[in-house]
Amino acid sequence: MGPGKTLQIQASKDADAGSSQSEIKPMVHVSHESVAETETRLLRVMKQARLKVYSDVYGFEEFPLDAFAARARSDALALVRDDVVWSQLAPSNGPGERFRIFRFHFPEGVDNSGFVGWLASRLKLEFGTGVFVTCGQNIGDGGIFDYWGVPEMLGDVVIAYVRKLCANDPDLAQGRRGQ
C-alpha cells in the first residue's frame, strides 16, 4: 500500500441471531502517507477536534491498590494503576510537580492516528517540553479523547500555541510560531 492510502480496519461481530453481521467502527486507523500528507491530515483533525482547557493546576497522587475506595477522588481526570499503586490526576495546590491540562475530543470516524506523537514532537521542538497524555473513550461523544499535561510553568504559552494550531494559523502550519 503506497503513500496516501488508508486501510480501514473493519471487524464484524455475529448478531444474536447468528446470520446477520454489523460493522464495528475502528478505534485505530492504519494509514500509509507521506510526512506532508500526515501534517495536512493532523492539522485538519486538530481543527475538527473539540479543545477544552482546564483552569485548575493538576498533579499526580499515588496510593496503594487496597486504598481505592477511600482515596479515589471524584474530581480526578484519570485513574491508572500498575501492580502496586493507583495514580490519579487531580487538582493540586500542594507540593510536587504540577501541570496545566487540556483535552481533545475527536469526532467519530476521524483518522487521528499519529496525533499524539505528532503534537508531542511539535511541542518538544517549539518549547523543549515533554508532555504526558492519558487517553479514554466515550462512544456517546465521538469516541477517543486525550488529556494532555504540560509543566505548569509553560502552560500558558503551550496552550496559546495549541489554540493557534486548532485555528490553523498559517504561520504554525508552516512550523513557525508567528512571533
Foldseek 3Di string as FASTA:
>chain_A
DAAPDWDFDWDWDADPVRPDIDTDGDPATDHHHDPLVLLVQQLVQLLQWDKDWDPAKKDKDKDFPVCCVPPDDPQFPDWDDDPTIIITIHGDDDDDFIWTKMKIDTAAPRHCPPVVVVLQVLCCVPPVWGKDKDWDFDVVRRTIMIMIITGPVCVVVSVVQSVCSNVVPVCVSVVHSPD
